[in-house]
Amino acid sequence: MEKDIYIAYPAYVGAFEESFSNALGEEIKIKVLTSSVDTKKVGLLILSGGEDIDPNLYEQRNKGSYINFDRDLTECNLFRFCYTAKIPILGVCRGLQLINALMGGSLYQDLKNDAGYPHEGYHPLKVVKENNFFNMFKNVNSIHHQGINRLGSNLEINSYYKNIPESITGRNILAVQFHPEFMHGKESNLFFKQIFTNFKLKGD
């Protein structure tokens, strides 16, 4: 049974619809997930980029993180809702960071100041664990100033850049620190097509 693609944050609907549509060669629609949606209809939850994660979620004081309390609360609830129901979750940038925090991990609030690793506009990946969902990516974009410090429970690192995890997996979890939805080309098309077909999704 084919299921729908849902996203937690409406502002990123257009970017992901375009990415999936380009990858599949047909128009793909993405819906916004709320707690009232029947889980039987949800084939994938996307946790997208955006503001910083509230440091309270990983037991740190705020050292300059720009946060959105309402969004954090909503996405925390949606993550738990889908994780418990074993619905596949795709985390991108902030989404990866939120997943890591909710799984008991922590973040560097600023990579340059806390880790000595300023992010760069485009960089290679160091693969440490092969994964068919990520194998197509050799060089990726970078639009973040935070990153994983301590890895959360039951998560596995697939690739790094300068000791900062760039892709992780877990039970029904795929997450990347970079933005494949902004990488229009062969690599991103393969990525989104594989997700669509593997999870038996539909986009109408």
Protein backbone atom coordinates (compact mmCIF):
# COMPACT_ATOMS: atom_id res chain seq x y z
CA MET A 1 0.00 0.00 0.00
CA GLU A 2 1.47 3.35 -1.06
CA LYS A 3 1.49 6.08 1.58
CA ASP A 4 1.85 9.88 1.58
CA ILE A 5 4.86 12.08 2.28
CA TYR A 6 4.41 14.46 5.18
CA ILE A 7 6.55 17.31 6.49
CA ALA A 8 6.56 18.96 9.92
CA TYR A 9 7.38 22.54 8.86
CA PRO A 10 5.28 24.08 6.05
CA ALA A 11 7.95 26.55 4.86
CA TYR A 12 9.97 23.73 3.27
CA VAL A 13 7.12 22.06 1.38
CA GLY A 14 8.05 23.67 -1.95
CA ALA A 15 11.73 22.69 -1.84
CA PHE A 16 11.00 19.04 -1.13
CA GLU A 17 8.13 18.84 -3.62
CA GLU A 18 10.49 20.14 -6.30
CA SER A 19 13.22 17.66 -5.31
CA PHE A 20 10.93 14.64 -5.33
CA SER A 21 9.26 15.81 -8.56
CA ASN A 22 12.59 16.25 -10.33
CA ALA A 23 13.72 12.82 -9.16
CA LEU A 24 10.54 11.03 -10.25
CA GLY A 25 9.75 13.01 -13.39
CA GLU A 26 6.21 13.72 -12.19
CA GLU A 27 4.50 16.13 -9.84
CA ILE A 28 4.82 15.04 -6.21
CA LYS A 29 2.76 16.63 -3.44
CA ILE A 30 3.77 16.78 0.22
CA LYS A 31 1.35 17.28 3.10
CA VAL A 32 1.85 18.93 6.48
CA LEU A 33 1.66 16.47 9.38
CA THR A 34 -0.42 17.12 12.48
CA SER A 35 -1.14 14.81 15.40
CA SER A 36 -4.68 14.28 14.10
CA VAL A 37 -3.51 12.51 10.92
CA ASP A 38 -4.12 8.76 10.78
CA THR A 39 -0.68 7.10 11.05
CA LYS A 40 -1.78 4.51 8.50
CA LYS A 41 -1.62 7.24 5.83
CA VAL A 42 1.92 8.41 6.68
CA GLY A 43 4.74 6.89 4.64
CA LEU A 44 7.46 9.38 5.56
CA LEU A 45 7.93 12.32 7.94
CA ILE A 46 10.41 15.01 6.88
CA LEU A 47 12.04 17.08 9.63
CA SER A 48 13.58 19.95 7.68
CA GLY A 49 16.11 22.73 8.25
CA GLY A 50 15.59 26.03 10.01
CA GLU A 51 16.28 27.53 13.43
CA ASP A 52 18.62 26.13 16.07
CA ILE A 53 17.47 23.46 18.52
CA ASP A 54 16.63 24.56 22.08
CA PRO A 55 19.77 23.62 24.09
CA ASN A 56 17.52 22.53 26.97
CA LEU A 57 16.71 19.47 24.87
CA TYR A 58 20.30 18.31 25.31
CA GLU A 59 20.83 19.74 28.80
CA GLN A 60 22.91 22.80 27.93
CA ARG A 61 22.40 26.49 28.62
CA ASN A 62 21.79 28.72 25.63
CA LYS A 63 25.05 30.24 24.38
CA GLY A 64 23.57 32.14 21.46
CA SER A 65 21.29 29.58 19.78
CA TYR A 66 18.42 31.17 17.86
CA ILE A 67 15.41 29.05 18.74
CA ASN A 68 11.70 28.69 18.01
CA PHE A 69 10.00 27.17 21.06
CA ASP A 70 6.70 26.46 19.32
CA ARG A 71 8.39 24.68 16.43
CA ASP A 72 10.56 22.64 18.79
CA LEU A 73 7.51 21.52 20.76
CA THR A 74 5.55 20.58 17.63
CA GLU A 75 8.39 18.67 16.00
CA CYS A 76 9.35 16.87 19.22
CA ASN A 77 5.80 15.56 19.46
CA LEU A 78 5.65 14.58 15.78
CA PHE A 79 8.99 12.78 15.99
CA ARG A 80 7.86 10.74 19.00
CA PHE A 81 4.52 10.08 17.29
CA CYS A 82 6.21 8.68 14.17
CA TYR A 83 9.13 6.96 15.89
CA THR A 84 6.75 5.04 18.15
CA ALA A 85 4.61 4.08 15.14
CA LYS A 86 7.77 2.97 13.24
CA ILE A 87 7.09 5.45 10.43
CA PRO A 88 10.23 6.34 8.40
CA ILE A 89 11.71 9.72 9.32
CA LEU A 90 14.01 11.84 7.14
CA GLY A 91 15.96 14.49 9.04
CA VAL A 92 17.72 17.30 7.18
CA CYS A 93 20.14 19.72 8.88
CA ARG A 94 18.09 20.95 11.87
CA GLY A 95 16.11 17.70 11.53
CA LEU A 96 19.25 15.61 12.07
CA GLN A 97 20.16 17.74 15.09
CA LEU A 98 16.67 17.43 16.59
CA ILE A 99 16.66 13.66 16.14
CA ASN A 100 20.05 13.38 17.79
CA ALA A 101 18.96 15.49 20.76
CA LEU A 102 15.73 13.54 21.23
CA MET A 103 17.69 10.29 21.15
CA GLY A 104 19.83 11.48 24.06
CA GLY A 105 22.70 13.09 22.15
CA SER A 106 24.12 16.60 22.29
CA LEU A 107 25.18 19.35 19.87
CA TYR A 108 27.92 21.88 19.40
CA GLN A 109 26.02 25.15 19.59
CA ASP A 110 28.61 26.77 17.35
CA LEU A 111 31.08 24.65 15.39
CA LYS A 112 33.70 27.38 15.09
CA ASN A 113 33.69 28.39 18.76
CA ASP A 114 32.95 25.03 20.40
CA ALA A 115 34.66 22.54 18.09
CA GLY A 116 37.11 24.58 16.04
CA TYR A 117 35.45 23.40 12.82
CA PRO A 118 33.84 26.29 10.95
CA HIS A 119 31.37 25.03 8.36
CA GLU A 120 32.21 25.49 4.70
CA GLY A 121 30.00 26.12 1.69
CA TYR A 122 30.81 22.83 -0.07
CA HIS A 123 32.90 19.91 1.16
CA PRO A 124 33.62 16.18 0.71
CA LEU A 125 32.35 13.37 2.93
CA LYS A 126 34.40 10.78 4.76
CA VAL A 127 32.33 7.59 4.61
CA VAL A 128 32.78 5.25 7.58
CA LYS A 129 29.74 3.01 7.08
CA GLU A 130 28.31 2.29 3.64
CA ASN A 131 24.59 2.91 3.25
CA ASN A 132 22.67 2.69 -0.01
CA PHE A 133 20.71 5.83 0.80
CA PHE A 134 23.85 7.97 1.06
CA ASN A 135 26.41 6.27 -1.21
CA MET A 136 25.72 8.63 -4.13
CA PHE A 137 26.98 11.70 -2.24
CA LYS A 138 30.68 12.53 -2.59
CA ASN A 139 30.60 16.31 -2.04
CA VAL A 140 27.79 18.14 -0.26
CA ASN A 141 26.65 21.65 0.63
CA SER A 142 26.85 23.14 4.11
CA ILE A 143 24.37 25.65 5.53
CA HIS A 144 24.79 25.15 9.27
CA HIS A 145 26.80 26.39 12.24
CA GLN A 146 25.82 23.63 14.68
CA GLY A 147 26.46 19.89 14.60
CA ILE A 148 26.46 16.64 16.54
CA ASN A 149 28.79 16.42 19.52
CA ARG A 150 27.65 13.31 21.42
CA LEU A 151 25.76 10.79 19.30
CA GLY A 152 22.30 9.79 20.51
CA SER A 153 21.36 6.27 21.54
CA ASN A 154 20.62 3.66 18.87
CA LEU A 155 22.02 5.87 16.10
CA GLU A 156 24.89 5.04 13.74
CA ILE A 157 27.20 7.44 11.92
CA ASN A 158 27.61 6.84 8.18
CA SER A 159 29.80 9.78 7.21
CA TYR A 160 31.78 12.68 8.64
CA TYR A 161 33.37 15.95 7.68
CA LYS A 162 36.11 17.22 10.04
CA ASN A 163 34.89 14.86 12.79
CA ILE A 164 31.33 16.20 12.57
CA PRO A 165 28.73 13.56 11.58
CA GLU A 166 27.15 14.32 8.19
CA SER A 167 24.78 11.36 7.92
CA ILE A 168 23.28 9.03 10.52
CA THR A 169 20.80 6.18 10.61
CA GLY A 170 18.68 4.41 13.19
CA ARG A 171 15.50 2.40 13.41
CA ASN A 172 13.25 4.01 10.76
CA ILE A 173 15.62 7.04 10.74
CA LEU A 174 17.65 8.57 7.91
CA ALA A 175 19.26 11.94 8.58
CA VAL A 176 21.78 14.22 6.91
CA GLN A 177 23.50 17.40 8.06
CA PHE A 178 23.58 18.80 4.51
CA HIS A 179 20.66 19.90 2.29
CA PRO A 180 19.95 17.46 -0.58
CA GLU A 181 16.79 19.43 -1.40
CA PHE A 182 19.05 22.30 -2.54
CA MET A 183 21.46 20.07 -4.50
CA HIS A 184 19.74 19.88 -7.87
CA GLY A 185 21.51 17.20 -9.89
CA LYS A 186 22.18 13.51 -10.34
CA GLU A 187 23.12 12.81 -6.72
CA SER A 188 20.06 14.43 -5.16
CA ASN A 189 17.76 12.88 -7.78
CA LEU A 190 19.07 9.41 -6.93
CA PHE A 191 18.65 10.12 -3.22
CA PHE A 192 15.02 11.24 -3.43
CA LYS A 193 14.07 8.57 -5.95
CA GLN A 194 15.49 5.87 -3.71
CA ILE A 195 13.59 7.15 -0.70
CA PHE A 196 10.37 7.35 -2.70
CA THR A 197 10.59 3.83 -4.11
CA ASN A 198 12.06 2.14 -1.03
CA PHE A 199 9.31 3.37 1.28
CA LYS A 200 6.55 2.83 -1.32
CA LEU A 201 5.41 6.44 -1.23
CA LYS A 202 2.89 8.31 -3.34
CA GLY A 203 2.71 11.98 -4.11
CA ASP A 204 -0.85 12.92 -5.07
